[in-house]
Amino acid sequence: MTMQQRIESTLGLLQPQHLQVLDESHMHSRGLQTHFKAVVVSQQFEGLNRVKRHQKVYGTLGELMGEFHALALHTYTPEEWAQIDAAPASPTCAGGDKQLQAASLKPQV
């Protein structure tokens, strides 16, 4: 089972009306199955602020959180999701391999 599938399976415990987990590792320099984006729409988020929603997701994932580098979370109630129907696009990677970054900063001769 891939890391993406493991995350999806575990987040199923939140009984989401909509769940999308994307492997965004290709946007980063650290390799495969390290960076993920999750869009979770669940009634269980009703009355919770963003921090509490994220804590609920982290608690659900438990030890699995230690097996990948990053998780971008977009958490909504069904009512909120009906109003927007799409999560924001992910930004480009600001981190990455320091050697590659240093090489790109060297002046061209």
PDB file of N, CA and C in Angstrom:
ATOM      1  N   MET A   1       0.848  -1.171   0.000  1.00  0.00           N
ATOM      2  CA  MET A   1       0.000   0.000   0.000  1.00  0.00           C
ATOM      3  C   MET A   1       0.902   1.245   0.000  1.00  0.00           C
ATOM      4  N   THR A   2       0.620   2.198  -0.874  1.00  0.00           N
ATOM      5  CA  THR A   2       1.419   3.421  -0.936  1.00  0.00           C
ATOM      6  C   THR A   2       1.112   4.315   0.265  1.00  0.00           C
ATOM      7  N   MET A   3       1.981   5.282   0.502  1.00  0.00           N
ATOM      8  CA  MET A   3       1.742   6.228   1.592  1.00  0.00           C
ATOM      9  C   MET A   3       0.442   6.993   1.354  1.00  0.00           C
ATOM     10  N   GLN A   4       0.188   7.368   0.117  1.00  0.00           N
ATOM     11  CA  GLN A   4      -1.051   8.072  -0.212  1.00  0.00           C
ATOM     12  C   GLN A   4      -2.267   7.225   0.168  1.00  0.00           C
ATOM     13  N   GLN A   5      -2.237   5.954  -0.156  1.00  0.00           N
ATOM     14  CA  GLN A   5      -3.344   5.053   0.177  1.00  0.00           C
ATOM     15  C   GLN A   5      -3.490   4.880   1.687  1.00  0.00           C
ATOM     16  N   ARG A   6      -2.370   4.840   2.389  1.00  0.00           N
ATOM     17  CA  ARG A   6      -2.412   4.702   3.848  1.00  0.00           C
ATOM     18  C   ARG A   6      -3.038   5.941   4.489  1.00  0.00           C
ATOM     19  N   ILE A   7      -2.681   7.123   3.970  1.00  0.00           N
ATOM     20  CA  ILE A   7      -3.262   8.365   4.488  1.00  0.00           C
ATOM     21  C   ILE A   7      -4.759   8.383   4.208  1.00  0.00           C
ATOM     22  N   GLU A   8      -5.142   8.042   2.976  1.00  0.00           N
ATOM     23  CA  GLU A   8      -6.570   8.018   2.613  1.00  0.00           C
ATOM     24  C   GLU A   8      -7.352   7.061   3.508  1.00  0.00           C
ATOM     25  N   SER A   9      -6.821   5.886   3.705  1.00  0.00           N
ATOM     26  CA  SER A   9      -7.495   4.873   4.518  1.00  0.00           C
ATOM     27  C   SER A   9      -7.679   5.357   5.954  1.00  0.00           C
ATOM     28  N   THR A  10      -6.639   5.940   6.509  1.00  0.00           N
ATOM     29  CA  THR A  10      -6.700   6.415   7.891  1.00  0.00           C
ATOM     30  C   THR A  10      -7.657   7.594   8.036  1.00  0.00           C
ATOM     31  N   LEU A  11      -7.625   8.531   7.090  1.00  0.00           N
ATOM     32  CA  LEU A  11      -8.521   9.688   7.164  1.00  0.00           C
ATOM     33  C   LEU A  11      -9.980   9.290   6.955  1.00  0.00           C
ATOM     34  N   GLY A  12     -10.211   8.103   6.433  1.00  0.00           N
ATOM     35  CA  GLY A  12     -11.570   7.585   6.310  1.00  0.00           C
ATOM     36  C   GLY A  12     -12.266   7.458   7.660  1.00  0.00           C
ATOM     37  N   LEU A  13     -11.483   7.391   8.733  1.00  0.00           N
ATOM     38  CA  LEU A  13     -12.050   7.326  10.083  1.00  0.00           C
ATOM     39  C   LEU A  13     -12.820   8.596  10.440  1.00  0.00           C
ATOM     40  N   LEU A  14     -12.549   9.695   9.731  1.00  0.00           N
ATOM     41  CA  LEU A  14     -13.261  10.955   9.975  1.00  0.00           C
ATOM     42  C   LEU A  14     -14.610  10.988   9.263  1.00  0.00           C
ATOM     43  N   GLN A  15     -14.948   9.912   8.586  1.00  0.00           N
ATOM     44  CA  GLN A  15     -16.212   9.797   7.843  1.00  0.00           C
ATOM     45  C   GLN A  15     -16.421  10.994   6.904  1.00  0.00           C
ATOM     46  N   PRO A  16     -15.450  11.246   6.045  1.00  0.00           N
ATOM     47  CA  PRO A  16     -15.548  12.429   5.181  1.00  0.00           C
ATOM     48  C   PRO A  16     -16.594  12.267   4.080  1.00  0.00           C
ATOM     49  N   GLN A  17     -17.272  13.369   3.782  1.00  0.00           N
ATOM     50  CA  GLN A  17     -18.170  13.402   2.630  1.00  0.00           C
ATOM     51  C   GLN A  17     -17.348  13.563   1.350  1.00  0.00           C
ATOM     52  N   HIS A  18     -16.180  14.166   1.499  1.00  0.00           N
ATOM     53  CA  HIS A  18     -15.249  14.320   0.378  1.00  0.00           C
ATOM     54  C   HIS A  18     -13.849  14.159   0.946  1.00  0.00           C
ATOM     55  N   LEU A  19     -13.023  13.378   0.277  1.00  0.00           N
ATOM     56  CA  LEU A  19     -11.635  13.183   0.685  1.00  0.00           C
ATOM     57  C   LEU A  19     -10.780  13.099  -0.559  1.00  0.00           C
ATOM     58  N   GLN A  20      -9.768  13.930  -0.602  1.00  0.00           N
ATOM     59  CA  GLN A  20      -8.819  13.889  -1.710  1.00  0.00           C
ATOM     60  C   GLN A  20      -7.426  14.011  -1.114  1.00  0.00           C
ATOM     61  N   VAL A  21      -6.590  13.036  -1.379  1.00  0.00           N
ATOM     62  CA  VAL A  21      -5.202  13.072  -0.940  1.00  0.00           C
ATOM     63  C   VAL A  21      -4.340  13.027  -2.189  1.00  0.00           C
ATOM     64  N   LEU A  22      -3.508  14.042  -2.339  1.00  0.00           N
ATOM     65  CA  LEU A  22      -2.635  14.138  -3.504  1.00  0.00           C
ATOM     66  C   LEU A  22      -1.185  14.003  -3.076  1.00  0.00           C
ATOM     67  N   ASP A  23      -0.423  13.213  -3.815  1.00  0.00           N
ATOM     68  CA  ASP A  23       1.015  13.107  -3.597  1.00  0.00           C
ATOM     69  C   ASP A  23       1.661  14.235  -4.393  1.00  0.00           C
ATOM     70  N   GLU A  24       2.172  15.241  -3.700  1.00  0.00           N
ATOM     71  CA  GLU A  24       2.790  16.396  -4.354  1.00  0.00           C
ATOM     72  C   GLU A  24       4.309  16.340  -4.277  1.00  0.00           C
ATOM     73  N   SER A  25       4.842  15.149  -4.067  1.00  0.00           N
ATOM     74  CA  SER A  25       6.285  14.980  -3.935  1.00  0.00           C
ATOM     75  C   SER A  25       7.034  15.423  -5.181  1.00  0.00           C
ATOM     76  N   HIS A  26       6.403  15.305  -6.338  1.00  0.00           N
ATOM     77  CA  HIS A  26       7.057  15.704  -7.586  1.00  0.00           C
ATOM     78  C   HIS A  26       7.355  17.206  -7.622  1.00  0.00           C
ATOM     79  N   MET A  27       6.731  17.979  -6.752  1.00  0.00           N
ATOM     80  CA  MET A  27       6.950  19.423  -6.699  1.00  0.00           C
ATOM     81  C   MET A  27       8.120  19.782  -5.774  1.00  0.00           C
ATOM     82  N   HIS A  28       8.773  18.774  -5.219  1.00  0.00           N
ATOM     83  CA  HIS A  28       9.829  18.980  -4.235  1.00  0.00           C
ATOM     84  C   HIS A  28      11.037  18.126  -4.596  1.00  0.00           C
ATOM     85  N   SER A  29      12.171  18.430  -3.973  1.00  0.00           N
ATOM     86  CA  SER A  29      13.411  17.742  -4.338  1.00  0.00           C
ATOM     87  C   SER A  29      13.731  16.540  -3.466  1.00  0.00           C
ATOM     88  N   ARG A  30      12.878  16.199  -2.538  1.00  0.00           N
ATOM     89  CA  ARG A  30      13.207  15.140  -1.583  1.00  0.00           C
ATOM     90  C   ARG A  30      12.799  13.738  -2.019  1.00  0.00           C
ATOM     91  N   GLY A  31      12.294  13.572  -3.190  1.00  0.00           N
ATOM     92  CA  GLY A  31      11.964  12.223  -3.627  1.00  0.00           C
ATOM     93  C   GLY A  31      10.493  11.919  -3.573  1.00  0.00           C
ATOM     94  N   LEU A  32      10.188  10.634  -3.550  1.00  0.00           N
ATOM     95  CA  LEU A  32       8.811  10.178  -3.654  1.00  0.00           C
ATOM     96  C   LEU A  32       8.143  10.000  -2.300  1.00  0.00           C
ATOM     97  N   GLN A  33       6.841  10.217  -2.279  1.00  0.00           N
ATOM     98  CA  GLN A  33       5.989   9.955  -1.123  1.00  0.00           C
ATOM     99  C   GLN A  33       6.457  10.681   0.143  1.00  0.00           C
ATOM    100  N   THR A  34       6.781  11.984  -0.016  1.00  0.00           N
ATOM    101  CA  THR A  34       7.221  12.786   1.120  1.00  0.00           C
ATOM    102  C   THR A  34       6.324  13.988   1.386  1.00  0.00           C
ATOM    103  N   HIS A  35       5.650  14.499   0.359  1.00  0.00           N
ATOM    104  CA  HIS A  35       4.825  15.703   0.474  1.00  0.00           C
ATOM    105  C   HIS A  35       3.412  15.405  -0.029  1.00  0.00           C
ATOM    106  N   PHE A  36       2.420  15.697   0.823  1.00  0.00           N
ATOM    107  CA  PHE A  36       1.039  15.395   0.470  1.00  0.00           C
ATOM    108  C   PHE A  36       0.136  16.589   0.738  1.00  0.00           C
ATOM    109  N   LYS A  37      -0.974  16.600   0.029  1.00  0.00           N
ATOM    110  CA  LYS A  37      -2.033  17.588   0.234  1.00  0.00           C
ATOM    111  C   LYS A  37      -3.310  16.802   0.483  1.00  0.00           C
ATOM    112  N   ALA A  38      -4.046  17.183   1.527  1.00  0.00           N
ATOM    113  CA  ALA A  38      -5.301  16.500   1.837  1.00  0.00           C
ATOM    114  C   ALA A  38      -6.431  17.517   1.923  1.00  0.00           C
ATOM    115  N   VAL A  39      -7.501  17.224   1.206  1.00  0.00           N
ATOM    116  CA  VAL A  39      -8.738  17.993   1.297  1.00  0.00           C
ATOM    117  C   VAL A  39      -9.737  17.078   1.995  1.00  0.00           C
ATOM    118  N   VAL A  40     -10.184  17.504   3.171  1.00  0.00           N
ATOM    119  CA  VAL A  40     -11.071  16.675   3.975  1.00  0.00           C
ATOM    120  C   VAL A  40     -12.335  17.472   4.297  1.00  0.00           C
ATOM    121  N   VAL A  41     -13.475  16.929   3.899  1.00  0.00           N
ATOM    122  CA  VAL A  41     -14.767  17.548   4.189  1.00  0.00           C
ATOM    123  C   VAL A  41     -15.510  16.601   5.124  1.00  0.00           C
ATOM    124  N   SER A  42     -15.737  17.067   6.350  1.00  0.00           N
ATOM    125  CA  SER A  42     -16.365  16.195   7.342  1.00  0.00           C
ATOM    126  C   SER A  42     -17.264  16.992   8.279  1.00  0.00           C
ATOM    127  N   GLN A  43     -18.379  16.394   8.621  1.00  0.00           N
ATOM    128  CA  GLN A  43     -19.285  16.995   9.602  1.00  0.00           C
ATOM    129  C   GLN A  43     -18.605  17.093  10.962  1.00  0.00           C
ATOM    130  N   GLN A  44     -17.587  16.260  11.192  1.00  0.00           N
ATOM    131  CA  GLN A  44     -16.869  16.277  12.467  1.00  0.00           C
ATOM    132  C   GLN A  44     -16.115  17.585  12.704  1.00  0.00           C
ATOM    133  N   PHE A  45     -15.961  18.408  11.662  1.00  0.00           N
ATOM    134  CA  PHE A  45     -15.277  19.691  11.809  1.00  0.00           C
ATOM    135  C   PHE A  45     -16.218  20.813  12.239  1.00  0.00           C
ATOM    136  N   GLU A  46     -17.507  20.522  12.290  1.00  0.00           N
ATOM    137  CA  GLU A  46     -18.500  21.535  12.670  1.00  0.00           C
ATOM    138  C   GLU A  46     -18.159  22.115  14.041  1.00  0.00           C
ATOM    139  N   GLY A  47     -18.111  23.443  14.129  1.00  0.00           N
ATOM    140  CA  GLY A  47     -17.839  24.125  15.389  1.00  0.00           C
ATOM    141  C   GLY A  47     -16.375  24.201  15.777  1.00  0.00           C
ATOM    142  N   LEU A  48     -15.485  23.627  14.964  1.00  0.00           N
ATOM    143  CA  LEU A  48     -14.051  23.657  15.262  1.00  0.00           C
ATOM    144  C   LEU A  48     -13.363  24.717  14.406  1.00  0.00           C
ATOM    145  N   ASN A  49     -12.412  25.444  15.009  1.00  0.00           N
ATOM    146  CA  ASN A  49     -11.623  26.376  14.207  1.00  0.00           C
ATOM    147  C   ASN A  49     -10.563  25.597  13.427  1.00  0.00           C
ATOM    148  N   ARG A  50      -9.832  26.290  12.580  1.00  0.00           N
ATOM    149  CA  ARG A  50      -8.860  25.619  11.701  1.00  0.00           C
ATOM    150  C   ARG A  50      -7.817  24.838  12.497  1.00  0.00           C
ATOM    151  N   VAL A  51      -7.313  25.423  13.573  1.00  0.00           N
ATOM    152  CA  VAL A  51      -6.295  24.746  14.380  1.00  0.00           C
ATOM    153  C   VAL A  51      -6.853  23.446  14.966  1.00  0.00           C
ATOM    154  N   LYS A  52      -8.044  23.485  15.515  1.00  0.00           N
ATOM    155  CA  LYS A  52      -8.658  22.283  16.103  1.00  0.00           C
ATOM    156  C   LYS A  52      -8.941  21.227  15.037  1.00  0.00           C
ATOM    157  N   ARG A  53      -9.330  21.666  13.849  1.00  0.00           N
ATOM    158  CA  ARG A  53      -9.556  20.717  12.751  1.00  0.00           C
ATOM    159  C   ARG A  53      -8.261  20.010  12.389  1.00  0.00           C
ATOM    160  N   HIS A  54      -7.191  20.795  12.272  1.00  0.00           N
ATOM    161  CA  HIS A  54      -5.904  20.202  11.917  1.00  0.00           C
ATOM    162  C   HIS A  54      -5.428  19.258  13.018  1.00  0.00           C
ATOM    163  N   GLN A  55      -5.623  19.652  14.266  1.00  0.00           N
ATOM    164  CA  GLN A  55      -5.254  18.771  15.373  1.00  0.00           C
ATOM    165  C   GLN A  55      -6.035  17.462  15.317  1.00  0.00           C
ATOM    166  N   LYS A  56      -7.286  17.530  14.925  1.00  0.00           N
ATOM    167  CA  LYS A  56      -8.118  16.325  14.793  1.00  0.00           C
ATOM    168  C   LYS A  56      -7.550  15.410  13.703  1.00  0.00           C
ATOM    169  N   VAL A  57      -7.130  16.007  12.584  1.00  0.00           N
ATOM    170  CA  VAL A  57      -6.531  15.221  11.499  1.00  0.00           C
ATOM    171  C   VAL A  57      -5.211  14.612  11.961  1.00  0.00           C
ATOM    172  N   TYR A  58      -4.347  15.417  12.595  1.00  0.00           N
ATOM    173  CA  TYR A  58      -3.065  14.900  13.084  1.00  0.00           C
ATOM    174  C   TYR A  58      -3.282  13.764  14.081  1.00  0.00           C
ATOM    175  N   GLY A  59      -4.248  13.934  14.972  1.00  0.00           N
ATOM    176  CA  GLY A  59      -4.550  12.885  15.942  1.00  0.00           C
ATOM    177  C   GLY A  59      -5.037  11.612  15.275  1.00  0.00           C
ATOM    178  N   THR A  60      -5.821  11.768  14.224  1.00  0.00           N
ATOM    179  CA  THR A  60      -6.324  10.607  13.485  1.00  0.00           C
ATOM    180  C   THR A  60      -5.182   9.880  12.789  1.00  0.00           C
ATOM    181  N   LEU A  61      -4.258  10.632  12.206  1.00  0.00           N
ATOM    182  CA  LEU A  61      -3.129  10.016  11.502  1.00  0.00           C
ATOM    183  C   LEU A  61      -2.126   9.401  12.473  1.00  0.00           C
ATOM    184  N   GLY A  62      -2.032   9.943  13.675  1.00  0.00           N
ATOM    185  CA  GLY A  62      -1.162   9.379  14.701  1.00  0.00           C
ATOM    186  C   GLY A  62       0.275   9.206  14.245  1.00  0.00           C
ATOM    187  N   GLU A  63       0.813   8.010  14.462  1.00  0.00           N
ATOM    188  CA  GLU A  63       2.214   7.728  14.148  1.00  0.00           C
ATOM    189  C   GLU A  63       2.520   7.807  12.660  1.00  0.00           C
ATOM    190  N   LEU A  64       1.513   7.718  11.831  1.00  0.00           N
ATOM    191  CA  LEU A  64       1.719   7.820  10.385  1.00  0.00           C
ATOM    192  C   LEU A  64       2.334   9.174  10.022  1.00  0.00           C
ATOM    193  N   MET A  65       2.068  10.206  10.841  1.00  0.00           N
ATOM    194  CA  MET A  65       2.610  11.543  10.583  1.00  0.00           C
ATOM    195  C   MET A  65       4.136  11.540  10.521  1.00  0.00           C
ATOM    196  N   GLY A  66       4.773  10.645  11.236  1.00  0.00           N
ATOM    197  CA  GLY A  66       6.227  10.577  11.258  1.00  0.00           C
ATOM    198  C   GLY A  66       6.835   9.908  10.042  1.00  0.00           C
ATOM    199  N   GLU A  67       5.999   9.412   9.135  1.00  0.00           N
ATOM    200  CA  GLU A  67       6.506   8.654   7.997  1.00  0.00           C
ATOM    201  C   GLU A  67       6.578   9.452   6.701  1.00  0.00           C
ATOM    202  N   PHE A  68       6.211  10.736   6.748  1.00  0.00           N
ATOM    203  CA  PHE A  68       6.357  11.594   5.573  1.00  0.00           C
ATOM    204  C   PHE A  68       6.767  12.976   6.051  1.00  0.00           C
ATOM    205  N   HIS A  69       7.188  13.836   5.115  1.00  0.00           N
ATOM    206  CA  HIS A  69       7.784  15.123   5.474  1.00  0.00           C
ATOM    207  C   HIS A  69       6.765  16.237   5.671  1.00  0.00           C
ATOM    208  N   ALA A  70       5.762  16.319   4.807  1.00  0.00           N
ATOM    209  CA  ALA A  70       4.842  17.459   4.855  1.00  0.00           C
ATOM    210  C   ALA A  70       3.429  17.059   4.452  1.00  0.00           C
ATOM    211  N   LEU A  71       2.465  17.735   5.088  1.00  0.00           N
ATOM    212  CA  LEU A  71       1.058  17.520   4.769  1.00  0.00           C
ATOM    213  C   LEU A  71       0.353  18.872   4.767  1.00  0.00           C
ATOM    214  N   ALA A  72      -0.098  19.297   3.601  1.00  0.00           N
ATOM    215  CA  ALA A  72      -0.895  20.522   3.489  1.00  0.00           C
ATOM    216  C   ALA A  72      -2.346  20.130   3.700  1.00  0.00           C
ATOM    217  N   LEU A  73      -2.987  20.761   4.671  1.00  0.00           N
ATOM    218  CA  LEU A  73      -4.363  20.405   5.013  1.00  0.00           C
ATOM    219  C   LEU A  73      -5.349  21.488   4.608  1.00  0.00           C
ATOM    220  N   HIS A  74      -6.458  21.045   4.053  1.00  0.00           N
ATOM    221  CA  HIS A  74      -7.590  21.910   3.733  1.00  0.00           C
ATOM    222  C   HIS A  74      -8.805  21.194   4.304  1.00  0.00           C
ATOM    223  N   THR A  75      -9.332  21.723   5.403  1.00  0.00           N
ATOM    224  CA  THR A  75     -10.408  21.062   6.134  1.00  0.00           C
ATOM    225  C   THR A  75     -11.666  21.922   6.109  1.00  0.00           C
ATOM    226  N   TYR A  76     -12.796  21.288   5.779  1.00  0.00           N
ATOM    227  CA  TYR A  76     -14.051  22.013   5.619  1.00  0.00           C
ATOM    228  C   TYR A  76     -15.212  21.212   6.192  1.00  0.00           C
ATOM    229  N   THR A  77     -16.247  21.933   6.587  1.00  0.00           N
ATOM    230  CA  THR A  77     -17.529  21.293   6.880  1.00  0.00           C
ATOM    231  C   THR A  77     -18.232  21.111   5.535  1.00  0.00           C
ATOM    232  N   PRO A  78     -19.244  20.261   5.453  1.00  0.00           N
ATOM    233  CA  PRO A  78     -19.974  20.111   4.187  1.00  0.00           C
ATOM    234  C   PRO A  78     -20.568  21.436   3.693  1.00  0.00           C
ATOM    235  N   GLU A  79     -21.041  22.263   4.610  1.00  0.00           N
ATOM    236  CA  GLU A  79     -21.626  23.546   4.218  1.00  0.00           C
ATOM    237  C   GLU A  79     -20.578  24.470   3.604  1.00  0.00           C
ATOM    238  N   GLU A  80     -19.385  24.509   4.217  1.00  0.00           N
ATOM    239  CA  GLU A  80     -18.296  25.332   3.679  1.00  0.00           C
ATOM    240  C   GLU A  80     -17.876  24.832   2.300  1.00  0.00           C
ATOM    241  N   TRP A  81     -17.792  23.518   2.163  1.00  0.00           N
ATOM    242  CA  TRP A  81     -17.368  22.922   0.899  1.00  0.00           C
ATOM    243  C   TRP A  81     -18.365  23.230  -0.216  1.00  0.00           C
ATOM    244  N   ALA A  82     -19.636  23.223   0.103  1.00  0.00           N
ATOM    245  CA  ALA A  82     -20.672  23.517  -0.893  1.00  0.00           C
ATOM    246  C   ALA A  82     -20.523  24.934  -1.438  1.00  0.00           C
ATOM    247  N   GLN A  83     -19.981  25.831  -0.636  1.00  0.00           N
ATOM    248  CA  GLN A  83     -19.811  27.216  -1.067  1.00  0.00           C
ATOM    249  C   GLN A  83     -18.580  27.420  -1.931  1.00  0.00           C
ATOM    250  N   ILE A  84     -17.524  26.616  -1.710  1.00  0.00           N
ATOM    251  CA  ILE A  84     -16.293  26.835  -2.483  1.00  0.00           C
ATOM    252  C   ILE A  84     -16.030  25.747  -3.511  1.00  0.00           C
ATOM    253  N   ASP A  85     -16.285  24.490  -3.165  1.00  0.00           N
ATOM    254  CA  ASP A  85     -16.172  23.333  -4.054  1.00  0.00           C
ATOM    255  C   ASP A  85     -14.779  23.087  -4.617  1.00  0.00           C
ATOM    256  N   ALA A  86     -13.757  23.759  -4.088  1.00  0.00           N
ATOM    257  CA  ALA A  86     -12.388  23.491  -4.535  1.00  0.00           C
ATOM    258  C   ALA A  86     -11.407  24.040  -3.511  1.00  0.00           C
ATOM    259  N   ALA A  87     -10.348  23.303  -3.273  1.00  0.00           N
ATOM    260  CA  ALA A  87      -9.305  23.764  -2.362  1.00  0.00           C
ATOM    261  C   ALA A  87      -8.312  24.628  -3.130  1.00  0.00           C
ATOM    262  N   PRO A  88      -7.601  25.510  -2.436  1.00  0.00           N
ATOM    263  CA  PRO A  88      -6.602  26.339  -3.112  1.00  0.00           C
ATOM    264  C   PRO A  88      -5.485  25.490  -3.710  1.00  0.00           C
ATOM    265  N   ALA A  89      -4.892  25.996  -4.768  1.00  0.00           N
ATOM    266  CA  ALA A  89      -3.756  25.317  -5.393  1.00  0.00           C
ATOM    267  C   ALA A  89      -2.552  25.393  -4.462  1.00  0.00           C
ATOM    268  N   SER A  90      -1.697  24.410  -4.547  1.00  0.00           N
ATOM    269  CA  SER A  90      -0.494  24.391  -3.726  1.00  0.00           C
ATOM    270  C   SER A  90       0.557  25.314  -4.321  1.00  0.00           C
ATOM    271  N   PRO A  91       1.318  25.998  -3.450  1.00  0.00           N
ATOM    272  CA  PRO A  91       2.391  26.858  -3.956  1.00  0.00           C
ATOM    273  C   PRO A  91       3.566  26.016  -4.430  1.00  0.00           C
ATOM    274  N   THR A  92       4.463  26.635  -5.156  1.00  0.00           N
ATOM    275  CA  THR A  92       5.675  25.935  -5.563  1.00  0.00           C
ATOM    276  C   THR A  92       6.567  25.760  -4.344  1.00  0.00           C
ATOM    277  N   CYS A  93       7.470  24.840  -4.420  1.00  0.00           N
ATOM    278  CA  CYS A  93       8.341  24.506  -3.303  1.00  0.00           C
ATOM    279  C   CYS A  93       9.286  25.664  -2.991  1.00  0.00           C
ATOM    280  N   ALA A  94       9.360  26.047  -1.721  1.00  0.00           N
ATOM    281  CA  ALA A  94      10.275  27.096  -1.291  1.00  0.00           C
ATOM    282  C   ALA A  94      11.536  26.496  -0.680  1.00  0.00           C
ATOM    283  N   GLY A  95      11.512  25.219  -0.414  1.00  0.00           N
ATOM    284  CA  GLY A  95      12.660  24.553   0.205  1.00  0.00           C
ATOM    285  C   GLY A  95      13.430  23.775  -0.830  1.00  0.00           C
ATOM    286  N   GLY A  96      13.860  22.623  -0.436  1.00  0.00           N
ATOM    287  CA  GLY A  96      14.524  21.745  -1.381  1.00  0.00           C
ATOM    288  C   GLY A  96      15.988  21.564  -1.085  1.00  0.00           C
ATOM    289  N   ASP A  97      16.672  21.024  -2.038  1.00  0.00           N
ATOM    290  CA  ASP A  97      18.077  20.690  -1.920  1.00  0.00           C
ATOM    291  C   ASP A  97      18.914  21.961  -1.829  1.00  0.00           C
ATOM    292  N   LYS A  98      19.665  22.119  -0.747  1.00  0.00           N
ATOM    293  CA  LYS A  98      20.462  23.329  -0.542  1.00  0.00           C
ATOM    294  C   LYS A  98      21.567  23.465  -1.580  1.00  0.00           C
ATOM    295  N   GLN A  99      22.128  22.365  -2.029  1.00  0.00           N
ATOM    296  CA  GLN A  99      23.166  22.434  -3.056  1.00  0.00           C
ATOM    297  C   GLN A  99      22.590  22.954  -4.362  1.00  0.00           C
ATOM    298  N   LEU A 100      21.381  22.511  -4.712  1.00  0.00           N
ATOM    299  CA  LEU A 100      20.742  23.007  -5.929  1.00  0.00           C
ATOM    300  C   LEU A 100      20.419  24.485  -5.801  1.00  0.00           C
ATOM    301  N   GLN A 101      19.974  24.914  -4.627  1.00  0.00           N
ATOM    302  CA  GLN A 101      19.666  26.321  -4.412  1.00  0.00           C
ATOM    303  C   GLN A 101      20.927  27.163  -4.519  1.00  0.00           C
ATOM    304  N   ALA A 102      22.008  26.706  -3.886  1.00  0.00           N
ATOM    305  CA  ALA A 102      23.260  27.452  -3.925  1.00  0.00           C
ATOM    306  C   ALA A 102      23.780  27.557  -5.351  1.00  0.00           C
ATOM    307  N   ALA A 103      23.672  26.479  -6.111  1.00  0.00           N
ATOM    308  CA  ALA A 103      24.139  26.492  -7.498  1.00  0.00           C
ATOM    309  C   ALA A 103      23.336  27.476  -8.330  1.00  0.00           C
ATOM    310  N   SER A 104      22.056  27.592  -8.054  1.00  0.00           N
ATOM    311  CA  SER A 104      21.226  28.499  -8.843  1.00  0.00           C
ATOM    312  C   SER A 104      21.496  29.957  -8.498  1.00  0.00           C
ATOM    313  N   LEU A 105      22.118  30.216  -7.337  1.00  0.00           N
ATOM    314  CA  LEU A 105      22.426  31.584  -6.930  1.00  0.00           C
ATOM    315  C   LEU A 105      23.792  32.051  -7.408  1.00  0.00           C
ATOM    316  N   LYS A 106      24.625  31.134  -7.892  1.00  0.00           N
ATOM    317  CA  LYS A 106      25.952  31.511  -8.379  1.00  0.00           C
ATOM    318  C   LYS A 106      25.820  32.351  -9.638  1.00  0.00           C
ATOM    319  N   PRO A 107      26.619  33.416  -9.730  1.00  0.00           N
ATOM    320  CA  PRO A 107      26.562  34.242 -10.946  1.00  0.00           C
ATOM    321  C   PRO A 107      27.049  33.456 -12.156  1.00  0.00           C
ATOM    322  N   GLN A 108      26.400  33.670 -13.256  1.00  0.00           N
ATOM    323  CA  GLN A 108      26.785  33.014 -14.507  1.00  0.00           C
ATOM    324  C   GLN A 108      27.973  33.747 -15.116  1.00  0.00           C
ATOM    325  N   VAL A 109      28.991  32.997 -15.548  1.00  0.00           N
ATOM    326  CA  VAL A 109      30.196  33.591 -16.137  1.00  0.00           C
ATOM    327  C   VAL A 109      30.190  33.395 -17.625  1.00  0.00           C
TER     328      VAL A 109
END
